[in-house]
Amino acid sequence: MTRQAASSPSIPSPSATASPSSLDQSVPDSPPPGVAWQIIDTVALPSSASAGPANVADGIPSGFAHTPTGALVAMVQIDFRHLIEPNFVAVTQADVANTPGRAKFFNLVEADGLTNPANPEPGTYLQLTGFQFVSYTTSTAVIQLLTARPDGSYQVSTLSVAWDGTDWQLVLQADGTDSPNQQIVSSPVGFVLWGGV
């Protein structure tokens, strides 16, 4: 896959302000259709005309549909960009819910000399391989993301997003991390396989 520029293509704005009852609220049990993948710093990130993001400015995604698929795409876009974008502070300020977890993350950033304490070494990023919804309402979504590890195993992270009235925001844990636990599994069984590489 050819590496592309960091700015996302212009895509139509999803119906983020439409009533959730008028949107498709079915939880996806197969790969969402109409998704394009863009390589950002070696990581493949999804986007679609219907789910979002409608805009990515300086690495900050916004404009996600108020739907389960919108929540899924928002979670992947925000979580990865919050970890790998050079201006991760701005991404976190814009796209991460203002909770004690976000405050803890910024405390860790300051203690770490204004570097991202969660950012792994470039070239070692795990690629999204699949997902599984744990729960979904029009206000919150909890989704397990499956990523592939170099040794052939998989990492499972459980992440949350919340609807703030206009868009989805990532919700960090009290310790400033994105997942309460990360499990290593040997098989992707039980997950919807979905990824751009």
Protein backbone atom coordinates (compact mmCIF):
# COMPACT_ATOMS: atom_id res chain seq x y z
CA MET A 1 0.00 0.00 0.00
CA THR A 2 1.38 3.40 -0.97
CA ARG A 3 1.88 5.95 1.76
CA GLN A 4 -0.36 9.00 1.30
CA ALA A 5 -0.22 12.54 2.58
CA ALA A 6 -1.47 13.06 6.12
CA SER A 7 -4.38 15.29 5.09
CA SER A 8 -7.54 13.36 4.42
CA PRO A 9 -9.51 13.60 1.21
CA SER A 10 -12.53 15.87 1.20
CA ILE A 11 -15.56 13.72 1.86
CA PRO A 12 -19.21 14.66 2.37
CA SER A 13 -20.19 15.46 5.92
CA PRO A 14 -22.03 12.64 7.66
CA SER A 15 -25.36 13.42 9.32
CA ALA A 16 -23.82 14.09 12.72
CA THR A 17 -26.61 16.49 13.67
CA ALA A 18 -29.49 14.33 12.45
CA SER A 19 -31.71 12.60 14.96
CA PRO A 20 -30.23 9.18 15.86
CA SER A 21 -33.64 7.61 15.22
CA SER A 22 -33.38 8.66 11.57
CA LEU A 23 -29.95 7.05 11.18
CA ASP A 24 -28.93 3.40 10.90
CA GLN A 25 -28.46 2.34 14.52
CA SER A 26 -27.66 -1.32 13.77
CA VAL A 27 -24.41 -2.53 15.29
CA PRO A 28 -22.19 -3.79 12.46
CA ASP A 29 -21.55 -7.52 12.43
CA SER A 30 -19.53 -7.36 9.22
CA PRO A 31 -16.97 -4.91 7.81
CA PRO A 32 -18.67 -1.53 7.23
CA PRO A 33 -19.16 -0.85 3.50
CA GLY A 34 -17.75 2.11 1.63
CA VAL A 35 -14.64 2.45 3.80
CA ALA A 36 -11.39 3.83 2.41
CA TRP A 37 -8.09 3.33 4.20
CA GLN A 38 -5.35 5.93 4.46
CA ILE A 39 -1.82 5.32 5.70
CA ILE A 40 -0.83 7.76 8.46
CA ASP A 41 2.70 7.23 9.80
CA THR A 42 2.56 3.52 8.75
CA VAL A 43 -0.91 2.97 10.31
CA ALA A 44 -3.99 2.32 8.14
CA LEU A 45 -6.96 4.43 9.32
CA PRO A 46 -10.55 4.08 8.05
CA SER A 47 -12.88 6.77 6.75
CA SER A 48 -16.15 6.84 4.85
CA ALA A 49 -18.58 9.33 3.39
CA SER A 50 -21.35 8.07 5.67
CA ALA A 51 -19.46 7.50 8.95
CA GLY A 52 -16.76 10.18 8.81
CA PRO A 53 -14.55 11.88 9.54
CA ALA A 54 -15.95 14.79 7.56
CA ASN A 55 -12.75 16.73 8.16
CA VAL A 56 -9.18 16.22 9.31
CA ALA A 57 -7.36 19.47 10.10
CA ASP A 58 -3.76 19.29 11.30
CA GLY A 59 -4.28 15.65 12.22
CA ILE A 60 -7.47 16.34 14.20
CA PRO A 61 -10.46 14.34 12.89
CA SER A 62 -14.04 15.56 13.33
CA GLY A 63 -17.53 15.06 11.96
CA PHE A 64 -18.46 11.48 12.75
CA ALA A 65 -21.94 10.06 12.21
CA HIS A 66 -24.13 9.53 15.28
CA THR A 67 -24.32 5.80 14.55
CA PRO A 68 -22.57 2.62 15.70
CA THR A 69 -20.36 2.70 12.60
CA GLY A 70 -19.61 6.38 13.23
CA ALA A 71 -18.59 5.48 16.79
CA LEU A 72 -16.35 2.67 15.52
CA VAL A 73 -14.59 4.83 12.92
CA ALA A 74 -14.25 7.68 15.43
CA MET A 75 -12.72 5.34 18.00
CA VAL A 76 -10.10 4.06 15.58
CA GLN A 77 -9.30 7.48 14.12
CA ILE A 78 -9.05 9.26 17.47
CA ASP A 79 -7.25 6.53 19.40
CA PHE A 80 -4.52 6.02 16.82
CA ARG A 81 -4.09 9.74 16.07
CA HIS A 82 -4.00 10.52 19.80
CA LEU A 83 -1.01 8.15 19.96
CA ILE A 84 0.92 8.84 16.75
CA GLU A 85 0.22 12.38 15.50
CA PRO A 86 3.08 14.86 16.05
CA ASN A 87 0.53 17.30 17.50
CA PHE A 88 -1.03 14.65 19.75
CA VAL A 89 -1.68 17.31 22.40
CA ALA A 90 -4.05 19.17 20.07
CA VAL A 91 -5.71 15.90 19.03
CA THR A 92 -6.23 14.99 22.69
CA GLN A 93 -7.62 18.43 23.55
CA ALA A 94 -10.08 18.32 20.65
CA ASP A 95 -11.11 14.67 20.50
CA VAL A 96 -10.72 13.20 23.99
CA ALA A 97 -13.48 13.70 26.57
CA ASN A 98 -12.65 16.11 29.38
CA THR A 99 -12.41 13.58 32.20
CA PRO A 100 -9.94 12.81 35.00
CA GLY A 101 -8.34 10.35 32.57
CA ARG A 102 -7.54 13.14 30.12
CA ALA A 103 -6.12 15.28 32.94
CA LYS A 104 -3.96 12.33 34.03
CA PHE A 105 -2.73 11.87 30.46
CA PHE A 106 -1.65 15.52 30.30
CA ASN A 107 0.07 15.16 33.69
CA LEU A 108 2.03 12.22 32.27
CA VAL A 109 2.89 14.24 29.15
CA GLU A 110 4.24 17.09 31.26
CA ALA A 111 6.20 14.69 33.47
CA ASP A 112 7.65 13.04 30.36
CA GLY A 113 9.05 16.29 28.99
CA LEU A 114 6.09 17.06 26.67
CA THR A 115 6.43 13.79 24.76
CA ASN A 116 3.68 11.26 24.35
CA PRO A 117 4.11 8.66 27.13
CA ALA A 118 1.92 6.17 25.24
CA ASN A 119 3.64 6.46 21.87
CA PRO A 120 5.61 3.37 20.85
CA GLU A 121 8.67 3.51 18.64
CA PRO A 122 7.92 4.38 14.99
CA GLY A 123 7.68 1.27 12.87
CA THR A 124 6.32 -0.81 15.76
CA TYR A 125 2.69 0.33 15.59
CA LEU A 126 0.15 -2.48 15.62
CA GLN A 127 -2.34 -2.59 12.74
CA LEU A 128 -6.08 -2.82 13.24
CA THR A 129 -7.30 -6.32 12.40
CA GLY A 130 -10.85 -6.48 13.72
CA PHE A 131 -13.49 -5.28 16.16
CA GLN A 132 -16.27 -6.48 18.43
CA PHE A 133 -18.96 -4.29 19.99
CA VAL A 134 -19.39 -4.79 23.73
CA SER A 135 -22.23 -2.29 24.07
CA TYR A 136 -23.79 0.62 22.19
CA THR A 137 -26.26 3.37 23.00
CA THR A 138 -26.65 6.74 21.29
CA SER A 139 -24.58 8.25 24.12
CA THR A 140 -21.76 5.73 24.58
CA ALA A 141 -20.08 2.85 22.80
CA VAL A 142 -17.70 0.25 24.18
CA ILE A 143 -15.80 -1.66 21.51
CA GLN A 144 -12.96 -4.16 21.59
CA LEU A 145 -10.33 -3.49 18.94
CA LEU A 146 -8.16 -6.35 17.70
CA THR A 147 -4.65 -5.54 16.50
CA ALA A 148 -2.06 -7.85 14.98
CA ARG A 149 1.27 -8.43 16.73
CA PRO A 150 4.54 -9.29 14.94
CA ASP A 151 4.65 -12.76 16.52
CA GLY A 152 1.34 -13.78 14.93
CA SER A 153 -0.77 -13.27 18.04
CA TYR A 154 -3.33 -10.52 18.59
CA GLN A 155 -3.86 -7.78 21.13
CA VAL A 156 -7.37 -6.97 22.38
CA SER A 157 -8.01 -3.47 23.75
CA THR A 158 -11.37 -2.35 25.15
CA LEU A 159 -12.06 1.29 24.36
CA SER A 160 -14.93 3.70 24.93
CA VAL A 161 -16.30 6.72 23.10
CA ALA A 162 -19.01 9.13 24.24
CA TRP A 163 -21.30 11.42 22.25
CA ASP A 164 -20.81 15.02 23.42
CA GLY A 165 -23.84 16.42 21.61
CA THR A 166 -22.08 17.10 18.34
CA ASP A 167 -19.46 14.37 17.89
CA TRP A 168 -17.88 11.23 19.33
CA GLN A 169 -15.00 11.62 21.78
CA LEU A 170 -12.56 9.03 23.10
CA VAL A 171 -12.87 8.38 26.85
CA LEU A 172 -9.59 7.65 28.64
CA GLN A 173 -9.25 5.53 31.76
CA ALA A 174 -8.52 7.14 35.14
CA ASP A 175 -4.82 6.31 34.75
CA GLY A 176 -4.62 8.18 31.43
CA THR A 177 -4.54 5.08 29.22
CA ASP A 178 -7.10 4.20 26.56
CA SER A 179 -7.98 0.67 27.73
CA PRO A 180 -8.55 -0.80 31.20
CA ASN A 181 -6.67 -3.91 30.11
CA GLN A 182 -5.01 -5.38 27.07
CA GLN A 183 -5.19 -9.09 26.43
CA ILE A 184 -3.11 -11.24 24.12
CA VAL A 185 -5.05 -13.88 22.19
CA SER A 186 -3.88 -16.43 19.67
CA SER A 187 -6.88 -16.27 17.33
CA PRO A 188 -9.21 -13.62 15.91
CA VAL A 189 -12.24 -15.89 16.39
CA GLY A 190 -15.23 -13.89 17.64
CA PHE A 191 -14.12 -10.65 16.03
CA VAL A 192 -15.25 -9.03 12.79
CA LEU A 193 -12.10 -9.00 10.69
CA TRP A 194 -11.50 -5.46 9.42
CA GLY A 195 -8.33 -3.64 8.46
CA GLY A 196 -6.59 -1.71 5.74
CA VAL A 197 -3.37 -3.70 5.37
